[in-house]
Amino acid sequence: MPHTLRLRAILTGIVTVAGLLVPQAAAQAAPDPGKIDATVLAGLAQDDKATFWVRLKGTPT
């Protein structure tokens, strides 16, 4: 089976190119505008930058 490595390389290339050609979907992570804290919105209005903390469910505060 001398062609095994060549076929494996060709198959890997085809899979890689196919994966790169598939359009990437946009992340649907934007929160509802009513749920954004007023201090974060004020920071964004001031200089388009804001620092905020994210709490994960199930973690102690």
Protein backbone atom coordinates (compact mmCIF):
# COMPACT_ATOMS: atom_id res chain seq x y z
CA MET A 1 0.00 0.00 0.00
CA PRO A 2 2.46 2.70 -1.08
CA HIS A 3 -0.29 5.16 -1.92
CA THR A 4 -1.75 5.24 1.59
CA LEU A 5 0.26 8.25 2.77
CA ARG A 6 -0.44 10.19 -0.42
CA LEU A 7 -4.16 9.46 -0.25
CA ARG A 8 -4.23 10.38 3.43
CA ALA A 9 -2.52 13.71 2.67
CA ILE A 10 -4.93 14.42 -0.19
CA LEU A 11 -7.94 13.58 1.99
CA THR A 12 -6.63 15.81 4.79
CA GLY A 13 -6.19 18.66 2.31
CA ILE A 14 -9.70 18.24 0.91
CA VAL A 15 -11.23 18.22 4.40
CA THR A 16 -9.23 21.31 5.38
CA VAL A 17 -10.23 23.26 2.27
CA ALA A 18 -13.87 22.24 2.68
CA GLY A 19 -13.81 23.39 6.30
CA LEU A 20 -12.38 26.76 5.31
CA LEU A 21 -14.93 27.27 2.53
CA VAL A 22 -17.95 26.75 4.79
CA PRO A 23 -19.21 30.20 5.82
CA GLN A 24 -18.83 30.93 9.50
CA ALA A 25 -21.97 31.89 11.40
CA ALA A 26 -22.08 35.04 13.49
CA ALA A 27 -22.13 34.56 17.25
CA GLN A 28 -25.53 35.19 18.75
CA ALA A 29 -24.27 36.48 22.08
CA ALA A 30 -25.65 40.02 22.21
CA PRO A 31 -27.83 40.48 25.30
CA ASP A 32 -31.19 42.14 25.29
CA PRO A 33 -30.56 45.94 25.47
CA GLY A 34 -32.76 46.18 28.57
CA LYS A 35 -30.46 43.78 30.44
CA ILE A 36 -27.29 45.88 30.10
CA ASP A 37 -26.41 47.66 33.34
CA ALA A 38 -26.59 51.46 33.25
CA THR A 39 -22.96 51.87 34.37
CA VAL A 40 -21.76 49.70 31.48
CA LEU A 41 -23.85 51.73 29.03
CA ALA A 42 -22.43 54.94 30.47
CA GLY A 43 -18.89 53.63 29.99
CA LEU A 44 -19.69 52.69 26.41
CA ALA A 45 -21.16 56.12 25.69
CA GLN A 46 -18.09 57.83 27.11
CA ASP A 47 -15.31 56.21 25.06
CA ASP A 48 -16.75 53.09 23.37
CA LYS A 49 -15.04 50.92 26.00
CA ALA A 50 -16.47 49.38 29.12
CA THR A 51 -15.27 46.98 31.79
CA PHE A 52 -17.77 44.58 33.27
CA TRP A 53 -17.76 41.29 35.11
CA VAL A 54 -19.58 38.18 33.96
CA ARG A 55 -21.04 35.81 36.51
CA LEU A 56 -21.37 32.21 35.45
CA LYS A 57 -24.25 30.14 36.67
CA GLY A 58 -23.37 27.82 39.52
CA THR A 59 -20.34 29.77 40.72
CA PRO A 60 -20.22 31.38 44.15
CA THR A 61 -20.33 35.17 44.26
